[in-house]
C-alpha atoms as a PDB file:
ATOM      1  CA  MET A   1     145.112 152.085 155.005  1.00  0.00           C
ATOM      2  CA  ARG A   2     147.558 150.592 152.466  1.00  0.00           C
ATOM      3  CA  LYS A   3     144.969 148.108 151.244  1.00  0.00           C
ATOM      4  CA  THR A   4     142.458 150.902 150.748  1.00  0.00           C
ATOM      5  CA  LEU A   5     144.984 152.958 148.763  1.00  0.00           C
ATOM      6  CA  LEU A   6     145.886 149.957 146.616  1.00  0.00           C
ATOM      7  CA  ILE A   7     142.228 149.221 145.904  1.00  0.00           C
ATOM      8  CA  VAL A   8     141.544 152.868 144.990  1.00  0.00           C
ATOM      9  CA  ALA A   9     144.669 152.919 142.766  1.00  0.00           C
ATOM     10  CA  ALA A  10     143.596 149.681 141.035  1.00  0.00           C
ATOM     11  CA  ILE A  11     140.096 151.071 140.405  1.00  0.00           C
ATOM     12  CA  LEU A  12     141.500 154.339 138.983  1.00  0.00           C
ATOM     13  CA  VAL A  13     143.960 152.498 136.713  1.00  0.00           C
ATOM     14  CA  GLY A  14     141.193 150.150 135.542  1.00  0.00           C
ATOM     15  CA  TYR A  15     138.905 153.090 134.802  1.00  0.00           C
ATOM     16  CA  GLY A  16     141.704 154.889 132.999  1.00  0.00           C
ATOM     17  CA  LEU A  17     142.471 151.883 130.826  1.00  0.00           C
ATOM     18  CA  HIS A  18     138.782 151.446 130.022  1.00  0.00           C
ATOM     19  CA  ALA A  19     138.459 155.119 129.010  1.00  0.00           C
ATOM     20  CA  GLN A  20     140.929 154.601 126.137  1.00  0.00           C
ATOM     21  CA  ALA A  21     139.314 151.339 125.014  1.00  0.00           C
ATOM     22  CA  GLY A  22     136.805 151.177 122.204  1.00  0.00           C
ATOM     23  CA  SER A  23     135.917 153.560 119.414  1.00  0.00           C
ATOM     24  CA  GLY A  24     136.414 157.294 119.566  1.00  0.00           C
ATOM     25  CA  PHE A  25     138.498 160.179 118.267  1.00  0.00           C
ATOM     26  CA  GLY A  26     141.121 162.555 119.560  1.00  0.00           C
ATOM     27  CA  ILE A  27     144.048 164.862 118.926  1.00  0.00           C
ATOM     28  CA  LYS A  28     147.746 164.078 118.677  1.00  0.00           C
ATOM     29  CA  ALA A  29     151.082 165.884 118.457  1.00  0.00           C
ATOM     30  CA  GLY A  30     154.724 165.010 118.760  1.00  0.00           C
ATOM     31  CA  LEU A  31     158.246 164.944 117.405  1.00  0.00           C
ATOM     32  CA  ASN A  32     159.670 163.509 114.200  1.00  0.00           C
ATOM     33  CA  TYR A  33     163.255 162.444 113.665  1.00  0.00           C
ATOM     34  CA  ASN A  34     163.654 162.495 109.927  1.00  0.00           C
ATOM     35  CA  GLY A  35     165.984 161.370 107.172  1.00  0.00           C
ATOM     36  CA  ASN A  36     165.430 161.146 103.442  1.00  0.00           C
ATOM     37  CA  GLY A  37     166.403 158.751 100.701  1.00  0.00           C
ATOM     38  CA  ASP A  38     168.526 155.675 101.303  1.00  0.00           C
ATOM     39  CA  TYR A  39     167.928 154.127 104.734  1.00  0.00           C
ATOM     40  CA  PHE A  40     171.571 153.405 105.582  1.00  0.00           C
ATOM     41  CA  ASN A  41     172.761 156.875 104.530  1.00  0.00           C
ATOM     42  CA  SER A  42     169.977 158.400 106.656  1.00  0.00           C
ATOM     43  CA  VAL A  43     171.016 156.385 109.727  1.00  0.00           C
ATOM     44  CA  GLU A  44     174.670 157.333 109.273  1.00  0.00           C
ATOM     45  CA  ASN A  45     173.845 161.041 108.862  1.00  0.00           C
ATOM     46  CA  ALA A  46     171.477 160.979 111.862  1.00  0.00           C
ATOM     47  CA  PHE A  47     174.157 159.361 114.030  1.00  0.00           C
ATOM     48  CA  GLU A  48     176.774 161.941 113.018  1.00  0.00           C
ATOM     49  CA  ASN A  49     174.472 164.980 113.405  1.00  0.00           C
ATOM     50  CA  PRO A  50     171.471 164.080 115.591  1.00  0.00           C
ATOM     51  CA  ASP A  51     170.213 167.677 115.958  1.00  0.00           C
ATOM     52  CA  ARG A  52     169.866 168.333 112.223  1.00  0.00           C
ATOM     53  CA  ASN A  53     166.821 166.204 111.472  1.00  0.00           C
ATOM     54  CA  ALA A  54     164.187 167.171 114.055  1.00  0.00           C
ATOM     55  CA  GLY A  55     160.599 167.990 113.093  1.00  0.00           C
ATOM     56  CA  PHE A  56     157.082 168.007 114.519  1.00  0.00           C
ATOM     57  CA  HIS A  57     153.518 166.955 113.762  1.00  0.00           C
ATOM     58  CA  VAL A  58     149.965 167.794 114.899  1.00  0.00           C
ATOM     59  CA  GLY A  59     146.720 166.159 113.909  1.00  0.00           C
ATOM     60  CA  VAL A  60     143.554 164.236 114.659  1.00  0.00           C
ATOM     61  CA  TYR A  61     142.721 160.539 114.734  1.00  0.00           C
ATOM     62  CA  GLY A  62     139.750 158.218 114.903  1.00  0.00           C
ATOM     63  CA  LYS A  63     139.576 154.721 116.320  1.00  0.00           C
ATOM     64  CA  LEU A  64     137.070 152.025 115.341  1.00  0.00           C
ATOM     65  CA  GLY A  65     137.091 148.837 117.384  1.00  0.00           C
ATOM     66  CA  ASN A  66     138.683 147.643 120.572  1.00  0.00           C
ATOM     67  CA  ARG A  67     140.781 144.455 120.624  1.00  0.00           C
ATOM     68  CA  ILE A  68     141.481 144.768 116.900  1.00  0.00           C
ATOM     69  CA  TYR A  69     140.977 148.277 115.609  1.00  0.00           C
ATOM     70  CA  LEU A  70     141.211 150.587 112.607  1.00  0.00           C
ATOM     71  CA  ARG A  71     142.826 153.980 113.261  1.00  0.00           C
ATOM     72  CA  PRO A  72     142.725 156.569 110.462  1.00  0.00           C
ATOM     73  CA  GLU A  73     144.663 159.786 111.084  1.00  0.00           C
ATOM     74  CA  LEU A  74     145.051 163.206 109.456  1.00  0.00           C
ATOM     75  CA  VAL A  75     148.368 164.817 110.427  1.00  0.00           C
ATOM     76  CA  TYR A  76     150.247 167.986 109.430  1.00  0.00           C
ATOM     77  CA  THR A  77     153.977 167.202 109.465  1.00  0.00           C
ATOM     78  CA  SER A  78     156.975 169.514 109.180  1.00  0.00           C
ATOM     79  CA  THR A  79     160.340 167.789 108.679  1.00  0.00           C
ATOM     80  CA  THR A  80     163.915 168.958 108.239  1.00  0.00           C
ATOM     81  CA  SER A  81     166.714 166.912 106.727  1.00  0.00           C
ATOM     82  CA  GLY A  82     170.200 168.312 107.189  1.00  0.00           C
ATOM     83  CA  TYR A  83     172.835 168.190 104.473  1.00  0.00           C
ATOM     84  CA  ASP A  84     176.287 169.761 104.492  1.00  0.00           C
ATOM     85  CA  GLU A  85     175.082 172.386 102.027  1.00  0.00           C
ATOM     86  CA  GLY A  86     171.862 173.266 103.862  1.00  0.00           C
ATOM     87  CA  ASP A  87     168.547 171.985 105.191  1.00  0.00           C
ATOM     88  CA  LEU A  88     165.735 170.454 103.168  1.00  0.00           C
ATOM     89  CA  LYS A  89     162.417 171.434 104.782  1.00  0.00           C
ATOM     90  CA  ILE A  90     159.198 169.704 103.819  1.00  0.00           C
ATOM     91  CA  GLN A  91     155.645 170.361 105.020  1.00  0.00           C
ATOM     92  CA  LYS A  92     153.072 167.700 104.220  1.00  0.00           C
ATOM     93  CA  LEU A  93     149.740 166.153 105.132  1.00  0.00           C
ATOM     94  CA  ASP A  94     149.966 162.521 106.232  1.00  0.00           C
ATOM     95  CA  VAL A  95     146.985 160.157 106.194  1.00  0.00           C
ATOM     96  CA  PRO A  96     147.970 156.886 107.911  1.00  0.00           C
ATOM     97  CA  LEU A  97     145.375 154.085 107.803  1.00  0.00           C
ATOM     98  CA  LEU A  98     146.497 151.844 110.641  1.00  0.00           C
ATOM     99  CA  VAL A  99     145.282 148.433 111.769  1.00  0.00           C
ATOM    100  CA  GLY A 100     146.187 147.592 115.341  1.00  0.00           C
ATOM    101  CA  THR A 101     145.684 145.128 118.118  1.00  0.00           C
ATOM    102  CA  LYS A 102     145.891 145.161 121.886  1.00  0.00           C
ATOM    103  CA  ILE A 103     148.774 143.015 123.054  1.00  0.00           C
ATOM    104  CA  ILE A 104     148.521 143.018 126.834  1.00  0.00           C
ATOM    105  CA  GLY A 105     146.991 145.565 129.186  1.00  0.00           C
ATOM    106  CA  PRO A 106     147.509 149.075 127.810  1.00  0.00           C
ATOM    107  CA  LEU A 107     150.128 147.977 125.215  1.00  0.00           C
ATOM    108  CA  HIS A 108     149.126 147.875 121.557  1.00  0.00           C
ATOM    109  CA  ALA A 109     150.864 147.507 118.178  1.00  0.00           C
ATOM    110  CA  PHE A 110     149.861 148.743 114.729  1.00  0.00           C
ATOM    111  CA  ILE A 111     150.820 148.682 111.069  1.00  0.00           C
ATOM    112  CA  GLY A 112     149.501 150.225 107.880  1.00  0.00           C
ATOM    113  CA  PRO A 113     149.968 152.408 104.822  1.00  0.00           C
ATOM    114  CA  SER A 114     150.430 156.153 104.986  1.00  0.00           C
ATOM    115  CA  PHE A 115     149.492 158.508 102.180  1.00  0.00           C
ATOM    116  CA  GLN A 116     151.448 161.760 102.043  1.00  0.00           C
ATOM    117  CA  TYR A 117     150.612 164.969 100.210  1.00  0.00           C
ATOM    118  CA  ILE A 118     153.555 167.377 100.034  1.00  0.00           C
ATOM    119  CA  LEU A 119     152.415 170.958 100.621  1.00  0.00           C
ATOM    120  CA  ASN A 120     155.758 172.768 100.440  1.00  0.00           C
ATOM    121  CA  SER A 121     159.470 172.057 100.113  1.00  0.00           C
ATOM    122  CA  LYS A 122     162.473 174.336 100.487  1.00  0.00           C
ATOM    123  CA  PHE A 123     166.243 173.823 100.485  1.00  0.00           C
ATOM    124  CA  ASP A 124     167.562 176.854 102.414  1.00  0.00           C
ATOM    125  CA  ASP A 125     167.760 179.739  99.934  1.00  0.00           C
ATOM    126  CA  VAL A 126     168.326 177.577  96.870  1.00  0.00           C
ATOM    127  CA  THR A 127     165.641 177.475  94.217  1.00  0.00           C
ATOM    128  CA  ILE A 128     164.397 173.966  93.630  1.00  0.00           C
ATOM    129  CA  ASP A 129     162.110 172.506  91.040  1.00  0.00           C
ATOM    130  CA  ASP A 130     158.843 170.920  92.097  1.00  0.00           C
ATOM    131  CA  ILE A 131     158.976 167.537  93.744  1.00  0.00           C
ATOM    132  CA  ASP A 132     158.219 164.817  91.191  1.00  0.00           C
ATOM    133  CA  ASN A 133     155.144 163.461  93.007  1.00  0.00           C
ATOM    134  CA  ASP A 134     153.082 165.545  95.434  1.00  0.00           C
ATOM    135  CA  LEU A 135     151.131 162.438  96.472  1.00  0.00           C
ATOM    136  CA  THR A 136     153.197 159.500  97.749  1.00  0.00           C
ATOM    137  CA  LEU A 137     152.714 156.225  99.594  1.00  0.00           C
ATOM    138  CA  GLY A 138     154.534 155.091 102.726  1.00  0.00           C
ATOM    139  CA  PHE A 139     154.379 152.558 105.521  1.00  0.00           C
ATOM    140  CA  ASN A 140     153.961 152.889 109.338  1.00  0.00           C
ATOM    141  CA  LEU A 141     154.875 150.316 111.983  1.00  0.00           C
ATOM    142  CA  GLY A 142     154.788 150.977 115.711  1.00  0.00           C
ATOM    143  CA  ALA A 143     153.628 150.331 119.249  1.00  0.00           C
ATOM    144  CA  GLY A 144     152.056 152.406 121.983  1.00  0.00           C
ATOM    145  CA  VAL A 145     150.627 152.574 125.460  1.00  0.00           C
ATOM    146  CA  ASN A 146     147.242 154.022 126.447  1.00  0.00           C
ATOM    147  CA  LEU A 147     146.731 155.301 129.985  1.00  0.00           C
ATOM    148  CA  GLY A 148     143.231 156.603 130.375  1.00  0.00           C
ATOM    149  CA  LYS A 149     142.552 159.309 127.839  1.00  0.00           C
ATOM    150  CA  PHE A 150     146.262 159.780 127.230  1.00  0.00           C
ATOM    151  CA  GLY A 151     148.380 157.761 124.826  1.00  0.00           C
ATOM    152  CA  ILE A 152     151.953 157.630 123.659  1.00  0.00           C
ATOM    153  CA  ASP A 153     153.285 155.754 120.650  1.00  0.00           C
ATOM    154  CA  LEU A 154     156.519 155.335 118.756  1.00  0.00           C
ATOM    155  CA  ARG A 155     156.451 154.427 115.095  1.00  0.00           C
ATOM    156  CA  TYR A 156     158.731 154.037 112.131  1.00  0.00           C
ATOM    157  CA  GLU A 157     157.679 155.510 108.781  1.00  0.00           C
ATOM    158  CA  ARG A 158     159.230 154.739 105.428  1.00  0.00           C
ATOM    159  CA  GLY A 159     158.202 156.102 102.040  1.00  0.00           C
ATOM    160  CA  PHE A 160     157.777 153.631  99.192  1.00  0.00           C
ATOM    161  CA  THR A 161     157.236 155.997  96.272  1.00  0.00           C
ATOM    162  CA  GLU A 162     160.513 157.122  94.743  1.00  0.00           C
ATOM    163  CA  ASN A 163     160.389 160.890  94.805  1.00  0.00           C
ATOM    164  CA  GLU A 164     163.017 163.513  94.013  1.00  0.00           C
ATOM    165  CA  ILE A 165     163.520 167.239  93.771  1.00  0.00           C
ATOM    166  CA  SER A 166     165.738 168.946  91.207  1.00  0.00           C
ATOM    167  CA  PHE A 167     167.868 172.011  91.816  1.00  0.00           C
ATOM    168  CA  ILE A 168     167.382 174.868  89.384  1.00  0.00           C
ATOM    169  CA  ASN A 169     170.483 176.766  90.524  1.00  0.00           C
ATOM    170  CA  SER A 170     173.576 175.438  88.801  1.00  0.00           C
ATOM    171  CA  ASN A 171     176.009 177.167  91.200  1.00  0.00           C
ATOM    172  CA  ILE A 172     175.694 174.374  93.793  1.00  0.00           C
ATOM    173  CA  VAL A 173     178.756 172.235  93.381  1.00  0.00           C
ATOM    174  CA  ASN A 174     178.589 169.904  96.378  1.00  0.00           C
ATOM    175  CA  VAL A 175     174.973 168.751  96.194  1.00  0.00           C
ATOM    176  CA  ASP A 176     173.727 166.249  93.665  1.00  0.00           C
ATOM    177  CA  ASP A 177     171.351 167.969  91.302  1.00  0.00           C
ATOM    178  CA  ARG A 178     168.603 165.635  92.570  1.00  0.00           C
ATOM    179  CA  VAL A 179     167.684 164.704  96.176  1.00  0.00           C
ATOM    180  CA  ASP A 180     165.550 161.717  97.175  1.00  0.00           C
ATOM    181  CA  THR A 181     162.677 162.999  99.366  1.00  0.00           C
ATOM    182  CA  ARG A 182     161.153 159.695 100.523  1.00  0.00           C
ATOM    183  CA  PRO A 183     160.524 159.940 104.296  1.00  0.00           C
ATOM    184  CA  ASP A 184     162.517 157.707 106.614  1.00  0.00           C
ATOM    185  CA  GLN A 185     161.681 158.674 110.173  1.00  0.00           C
ATOM    186  CA  LEU A 186     160.935 157.827 113.770  1.00  0.00           C
ATOM    187  CA  ILE A 187     157.783 159.485 115.103  1.00  0.00           C
ATOM    188  CA  LEU A 188     156.999 159.976 118.800  1.00  0.00           C
ATOM    189  CA  SER A 189     153.350 160.943 119.358  1.00  0.00           C
ATOM    190  CA  PHE A 190     151.300 161.988 122.368  1.00  0.00           C
ATOM    191  CA  SER A 191     147.523 161.696 122.047  1.00  0.00           C
ATOM    192  CA  LEU A 192     144.426 162.740 123.956  1.00  0.00           C
ATOM    193  CA  LYS A 193     141.088 160.968 123.422  1.00  0.00           C
ATOM    194  CA  LEU A 194     138.205 163.451 123.403  1.00  0.00           C
END
């Protein structure tokens, strides 16, 4: 009986792993843990106040190839970066163009550029000037596991394009009059191949 169960389990796992292999498309969603600006300041602030920088994302992806693959994505992302004076909230469209490879079994790794288009930004109730560049360039690096039609991946994203917002209100005394808005985040994604 045990041998039969093990054989059935092996067949189901093999089928599940095959279902995620090859080209296709799907949906994805997950959590973002965000910081902005200088990497070391972001890490220090995240360590001191881990609940202040949570966000989310939802989107679609395509996959071309199997062992080595191209994975373009279109993702709506909402991030929050906490400061002592308030929260900077940014909504954007991300378009990562990832190149990946299977490492062993269901494990894969990927890397690639990410283009971001900022849709909206708000710093609590403070009026801010437009962000310098609505279209920016970033970088993604990560790894994931595919189990059947389901996948999970963890990636790091860093913005390359220097980008800032300016405060119009002059009554803010504790915030610099400019804030660096380059993303610096960890992204946990769950995906479903359709």
